[in-house]
């Protein structure tokens, strides 16, 4: 558990540095976009680390219609790791910093 927490903190720091470097390179405001980037990254990581669910059912439905086969429903399973938890931590910290910066 301590390894996951340490890796999540490291991942959130790396994400913060990457977003800061991109904000300097493309000249956009870090505080205005950091929260939205964090949410987007968290959602993308969640869906890419999952199997089953609505998206898989839709793809299986299309494939079963094309091949005249019966579709099986699959439960959604999510295998998240330290990078996902790091992106959530980054999102939470960026939300707090955004609120402090604008109010």
N, C-alpha and C. Protein backbone atom coordinates (compact mmCIF):
# COMPACT_ATOMS: atom_id res chain seq x y z
N UNK A 1 0.81 -1.19 0.00
CA UNK A 1 0.00 0.00 0.00
C UNK A 1 0.86 1.26 0.00
N UNK A 2 1.97 1.22 0.74
CA UNK A 2 2.85 2.39 0.78
C UNK A 2 3.49 2.64 -0.57
N UNK A 3 3.76 1.55 -1.32
CA UNK A 3 4.34 1.72 -2.66
C UNK A 3 3.36 2.41 -3.59
N UNK A 4 2.09 2.05 -3.49
CA UNK A 4 1.08 2.65 -4.36
C UNK A 4 0.93 4.14 -4.04
N UNK A 5 0.93 4.48 -2.77
CA UNK A 5 0.80 5.89 -2.37
C UNK A 5 2.01 6.69 -2.85
N UNK A 6 3.20 6.14 -2.66
CA UNK A 6 4.41 6.82 -3.12
C UNK A 6 4.43 6.99 -4.63
N UNK A 7 4.01 5.95 -5.34
CA UNK A 7 3.98 6.04 -6.81
C UNK A 7 2.90 7.00 -7.29
N UNK A 8 1.77 7.05 -6.57
CA UNK A 8 0.71 7.99 -6.94
C UNK A 8 1.17 9.43 -6.75
N UNK A 9 1.89 9.70 -5.66
CA UNK A 9 2.42 11.04 -5.44
C UNK A 9 3.43 11.40 -6.51
N UNK A 10 4.30 10.45 -6.84
CA UNK A 10 5.29 10.68 -7.90
C UNK A 10 4.60 10.91 -9.24
N UNK A 11 3.56 10.12 -9.54
CA UNK A 11 2.82 10.29 -10.79
C UNK A 11 2.15 11.66 -10.86
N UNK A 12 1.58 12.11 -9.74
CA UNK A 12 0.92 13.43 -9.74
C UNK A 12 1.94 14.55 -9.93
N UNK A 13 3.13 14.40 -9.36
CA UNK A 13 4.18 15.40 -9.57
C UNK A 13 4.63 15.42 -11.03
N UNK A 14 4.78 14.26 -11.62
CA UNK A 14 5.19 14.18 -13.03
C UNK A 14 4.12 14.77 -13.93
N UNK A 15 2.87 14.46 -13.65
CA UNK A 15 1.77 15.03 -14.44
C UNK A 15 1.77 16.56 -14.32
N UNK A 16 1.96 17.05 -13.10
CA UNK A 16 2.02 18.50 -12.89
C UNK A 16 3.15 19.16 -13.65
N UNK A 17 4.32 18.52 -13.64
CA UNK A 17 5.46 19.07 -14.39
C UNK A 17 5.22 19.05 -15.89
N UNK A 18 4.61 17.99 -16.39
CA UNK A 18 4.33 17.90 -17.83
C UNK A 18 3.33 18.97 -18.24
N UNK A 19 2.27 19.15 -17.45
CA UNK A 19 1.26 20.16 -17.78
C UNK A 19 1.87 21.56 -17.68
N UNK A 20 2.70 21.79 -16.67
CA UNK A 20 3.36 23.09 -16.54
C UNK A 20 4.27 23.36 -17.73
N UNK A 21 5.05 22.35 -18.15
CA UNK A 21 5.95 22.52 -19.31
C UNK A 21 5.14 22.78 -20.58
N UNK A 22 4.03 22.07 -20.75
CA UNK A 22 3.19 22.30 -21.92
C UNK A 22 2.55 23.69 -21.88
N UNK A 23 2.20 24.15 -20.67
CA UNK A 23 1.61 25.49 -20.59
C UNK A 23 2.64 26.56 -20.92
N UNK A 24 3.88 26.33 -20.60
CA UNK A 24 4.93 27.28 -20.96
C UNK A 24 5.23 27.22 -22.45
N UNK A 25 5.21 26.03 -23.02
CA UNK A 25 5.53 25.86 -24.44
C UNK A 25 4.41 26.39 -25.34
N UNK A 26 3.15 26.07 -25.01
CA UNK A 26 2.03 26.49 -25.84
C UNK A 26 1.38 27.78 -25.35
N UNK A 27 1.89 28.36 -24.32
CA UNK A 27 1.47 29.62 -23.70
C UNK A 27 -0.04 29.66 -23.39
N UNK A 28 -0.47 28.74 -22.53
CA UNK A 28 -1.81 28.82 -21.98
C UNK A 28 -1.68 28.89 -20.46
N UNK A 29 -2.73 29.35 -19.82
CA UNK A 29 -2.69 29.55 -18.37
C UNK A 29 -2.77 28.21 -17.66
N UNK A 30 -1.76 27.94 -16.85
CA UNK A 30 -1.72 26.67 -16.11
C UNK A 30 -2.90 26.54 -15.17
N UNK A 31 -3.21 27.60 -14.43
CA UNK A 31 -4.29 27.54 -13.44
C UNK A 31 -5.66 27.42 -14.06
N UNK A 32 -5.84 27.94 -15.26
CA UNK A 32 -7.14 27.84 -15.91
C UNK A 32 -7.40 26.47 -16.49
N UNK A 33 -6.37 25.75 -16.89
CA UNK A 33 -6.56 24.49 -17.59
C UNK A 33 -6.14 23.26 -16.80
N UNK A 34 -5.43 23.43 -15.70
CA UNK A 34 -4.90 22.26 -15.00
C UNK A 34 -6.00 21.35 -14.48
N UNK A 35 -7.08 21.90 -13.95
CA UNK A 35 -8.16 21.06 -13.42
C UNK A 35 -8.84 20.28 -14.54
N UNK A 36 -9.12 20.95 -15.66
CA UNK A 36 -9.78 20.26 -16.77
C UNK A 36 -8.88 19.19 -17.38
N UNK A 37 -7.60 19.46 -17.46
CA UNK A 37 -6.66 18.46 -17.96
C UNK A 37 -6.61 17.27 -17.01
N UNK A 38 -6.64 17.54 -15.71
CA UNK A 38 -6.65 16.46 -14.72
C UNK A 38 -7.89 15.59 -14.83
N UNK A 39 -9.05 16.20 -15.00
CA UNK A 39 -10.29 15.43 -15.16
C UNK A 39 -10.23 14.60 -16.44
N UNK A 40 -9.81 15.23 -17.53
CA UNK A 40 -9.72 14.51 -18.80
C UNK A 40 -8.76 13.34 -18.73
N UNK A 41 -7.62 13.55 -18.12
CA UNK A 41 -6.64 12.48 -17.99
C UNK A 41 -7.17 11.35 -17.12
N UNK A 42 -7.86 11.69 -16.04
CA UNK A 42 -8.42 10.67 -15.15
C UNK A 42 -9.47 9.83 -15.87
N UNK A 43 -10.33 10.48 -16.64
CA UNK A 43 -11.37 9.75 -17.39
C UNK A 43 -10.74 8.86 -18.44
N UNK A 44 -9.76 9.37 -19.16
CA UNK A 44 -9.09 8.56 -20.19
C UNK A 44 -8.40 7.36 -19.57
N UNK A 45 -7.68 7.56 -18.48
CA UNK A 45 -7.00 6.45 -17.81
C UNK A 45 -8.00 5.43 -17.27
N UNK A 46 -9.14 5.90 -16.78
CA UNK A 46 -10.16 4.99 -16.26
C UNK A 46 -10.70 4.10 -17.36
N UNK A 47 -11.03 4.69 -18.51
CA UNK A 47 -11.62 3.89 -19.59
C UNK A 47 -10.59 2.99 -20.28
N UNK A 48 -9.34 3.42 -20.35
CA UNK A 48 -8.33 2.57 -20.97
C UNK A 48 -7.87 1.44 -20.06
N UNK A 49 -8.16 1.52 -18.77
CA UNK A 49 -7.81 0.45 -17.83
C UNK A 49 -9.02 -0.37 -17.44
N UNK A 50 -10.09 -0.30 -18.21
CA UNK A 50 -11.29 -1.06 -17.89
C UNK A 50 -11.63 -2.00 -19.03
N UNK A 51 -12.42 -3.00 -18.69
CA UNK A 51 -12.94 -3.91 -19.70
C UNK A 51 -14.39 -4.18 -19.36
N UNK A 52 -15.18 -4.41 -20.39
CA UNK A 52 -16.60 -4.62 -20.18
C UNK A 52 -17.33 -3.30 -20.10
N UNK A 53 -18.58 -3.34 -19.72
CA UNK A 53 -19.36 -2.13 -19.57
C UNK A 53 -20.06 -1.71 -20.85
N UNK A 54 -20.51 -0.48 -20.89
CA UNK A 54 -21.33 0.02 -21.99
C UNK A 54 -20.57 0.07 -23.30
N UNK A 55 -19.34 0.57 -23.28
CA UNK A 55 -18.57 0.69 -24.53
C UNK A 55 -18.29 -0.68 -25.14
N UNK A 56 -17.90 -1.62 -24.33
CA UNK A 56 -17.62 -2.97 -24.83
C UNK A 56 -18.89 -3.65 -25.32
N UNK A 57 -20.01 -3.43 -24.63
CA UNK A 57 -21.28 -4.01 -25.06
C UNK A 57 -21.70 -3.47 -26.42
N UNK A 58 -21.47 -2.17 -26.65
CA UNK A 58 -21.84 -1.57 -27.94
C UNK A 58 -20.99 -2.15 -29.06
N UNK A 59 -19.70 -2.32 -28.81
CA UNK A 59 -18.81 -2.88 -29.83
C UNK A 59 -19.15 -4.35 -30.08
N UNK A 60 -19.42 -5.09 -29.02
CA UNK A 60 -19.80 -6.50 -29.17
C UNK A 60 -21.13 -6.64 -29.89
N UNK A 61 -22.05 -5.72 -29.68
CA UNK A 61 -23.33 -5.76 -30.36
C UNK A 61 -23.16 -5.58 -31.86
N UNK A 62 -22.32 -4.62 -32.25
CA UNK A 62 -22.05 -4.41 -33.68
C UNK A 62 -21.40 -5.64 -34.30
N UNK A 63 -20.45 -6.21 -33.59
CA UNK A 63 -19.76 -7.40 -34.11
C UNK A 63 -20.70 -8.59 -34.18
N UNK A 64 -21.59 -8.75 -33.22
CA UNK A 64 -22.50 -9.88 -33.24
C UNK A 64 -23.53 -9.74 -34.35
N UNK A 65 -23.92 -8.51 -34.67
CA UNK A 65 -24.85 -8.32 -35.78
C UNK A 65 -24.18 -8.62 -37.12
N UNK A 66 -22.92 -8.25 -37.24
CA UNK A 66 -22.20 -8.50 -38.49
C UNK A 66 -21.95 -9.99 -38.69
N UNK A 67 -21.73 -10.72 -37.63
CA UNK A 67 -21.42 -12.14 -37.74
C UNK A 67 -22.57 -13.06 -37.41
N UNK A 68 -23.75 -12.53 -37.17
CA UNK A 68 -24.95 -13.30 -36.82
C UNK A 68 -24.70 -14.19 -35.60
N UNK A 69 -24.08 -13.63 -34.60
CA UNK A 69 -23.82 -14.39 -33.38
C UNK A 69 -24.56 -13.73 -32.22
N UNK A 70 -24.73 -14.49 -31.16
CA UNK A 70 -25.42 -13.98 -29.98
C UNK A 70 -24.43 -13.21 -29.12
N UNK A 71 -24.86 -12.04 -28.67
CA UNK A 71 -24.00 -11.18 -27.86
C UNK A 71 -24.05 -11.62 -26.40
N UNK A 72 -22.86 -11.68 -25.79
CA UNK A 72 -22.77 -11.95 -24.35
C UNK A 72 -22.50 -10.65 -23.63
N UNK A 73 -23.21 -10.46 -22.54
CA UNK A 73 -22.98 -9.28 -21.72
C UNK A 73 -21.81 -9.53 -20.80
N UNK A 74 -20.98 -8.52 -20.64
CA UNK A 74 -19.83 -8.65 -19.74
C UNK A 74 -19.88 -7.55 -18.70
N UNK A 75 -19.49 -7.90 -17.49
CA UNK A 75 -19.47 -6.92 -16.41
C UNK A 75 -18.27 -6.00 -16.58
N UNK A 76 -18.40 -4.80 -16.08
CA UNK A 76 -17.31 -3.85 -16.17
C UNK A 76 -16.29 -4.13 -15.08
N UNK A 77 -15.04 -4.27 -15.49
CA UNK A 77 -13.94 -4.49 -14.56
C UNK A 77 -12.91 -3.40 -14.79
N UNK A 78 -12.44 -2.81 -13.70
CA UNK A 78 -11.47 -1.73 -13.80
C UNK A 78 -10.22 -2.13 -13.04
N UNK A 79 -9.08 -2.04 -13.72
CA UNK A 79 -7.79 -2.34 -13.11
C UNK A 79 -6.97 -1.06 -13.09
N UNK A 80 -7.19 -0.26 -12.07
CA UNK A 80 -6.47 1.01 -11.98
C UNK A 80 -5.22 0.82 -11.14
N UNK A 81 -4.26 1.68 -11.37
CA UNK A 81 -3.01 1.60 -10.63
C UNK A 81 -2.60 2.95 -10.09
N UNK A 82 -1.31 3.06 -9.83
CA UNK A 82 -0.77 4.26 -9.21
C UNK A 82 -0.89 5.48 -10.12
N UNK A 83 -0.80 5.29 -11.42
CA UNK A 83 -0.89 6.44 -12.34
C UNK A 83 -2.30 7.03 -12.30
N UNK A 84 -3.31 6.17 -12.24
CA UNK A 84 -4.69 6.66 -12.14
C UNK A 84 -4.90 7.41 -10.83
N UNK A 85 -4.43 6.83 -9.73
CA UNK A 85 -4.56 7.51 -8.44
C UNK A 85 -3.75 8.81 -8.42
N UNK A 86 -2.62 8.82 -9.11
CA UNK A 86 -1.84 10.05 -9.23
C UNK A 86 -2.58 11.12 -10.01
N UNK A 87 -3.30 10.71 -11.06
CA UNK A 87 -4.08 11.69 -11.83
C UNK A 87 -5.24 12.22 -11.01
N UNK A 88 -5.83 11.37 -10.16
CA UNK A 88 -6.89 11.86 -9.27
C UNK A 88 -6.33 12.83 -8.24
N UNK A 89 -5.15 12.51 -7.69
CA UNK A 89 -4.50 13.41 -6.73
C UNK A 89 -4.15 14.73 -7.40
N UNK A 90 -3.63 14.68 -8.62
CA UNK A 90 -3.32 15.90 -9.37
C UNK A 90 -4.58 16.73 -9.60
N UNK A 91 -5.68 16.06 -9.95
CA UNK A 91 -6.94 16.76 -10.19
C UNK A 91 -7.44 17.44 -8.92
N UNK A 92 -7.36 16.75 -7.80
CA UNK A 92 -7.79 17.33 -6.53
C UNK A 92 -6.93 18.54 -6.14
N UNK A 93 -5.62 18.39 -6.27
CA UNK A 93 -4.71 19.50 -5.93
C UNK A 93 -4.93 20.68 -6.87
N UNK A 94 -5.12 20.40 -8.16
CA UNK A 94 -5.33 21.50 -9.12
C UNK A 94 -6.68 22.18 -8.88
N UNK A 95 -7.68 21.44 -8.41
CA UNK A 95 -8.96 22.08 -8.06
C UNK A 95 -8.76 23.03 -6.89
N UNK A 96 -8.05 22.59 -5.88
CA UNK A 96 -7.80 23.45 -4.72
C UNK A 96 -7.00 24.68 -5.12
N UNK A 97 -5.96 24.50 -5.94
CA UNK A 97 -5.15 25.65 -6.38
C UNK A 97 -5.96 26.60 -7.27
N UNK A 98 -6.84 26.06 -8.10
CA UNK A 98 -7.67 26.90 -8.95
C UNK A 98 -8.62 27.73 -8.11
N UNK A 99 -9.22 27.11 -7.11
CA UNK A 99 -10.13 27.86 -6.23
C UNK A 99 -9.37 28.95 -5.48
N UNK A 100 -8.19 28.63 -4.97
CA UNK A 100 -7.39 29.62 -4.24
C UNK A 100 -6.94 30.75 -5.17
N UNK A 101 -6.57 30.41 -6.39
CA UNK A 101 -6.05 31.42 -7.32
C UNK A 101 -7.12 32.39 -7.80
N UNK A 102 -8.36 31.91 -7.96
CA UNK A 102 -9.39 32.76 -8.52
C UNK A 102 -10.31 33.39 -7.48
N UNK A 103 -10.20 33.00 -6.22
CA UNK A 103 -11.08 33.60 -5.20
C UNK A 103 -10.32 34.16 -4.09
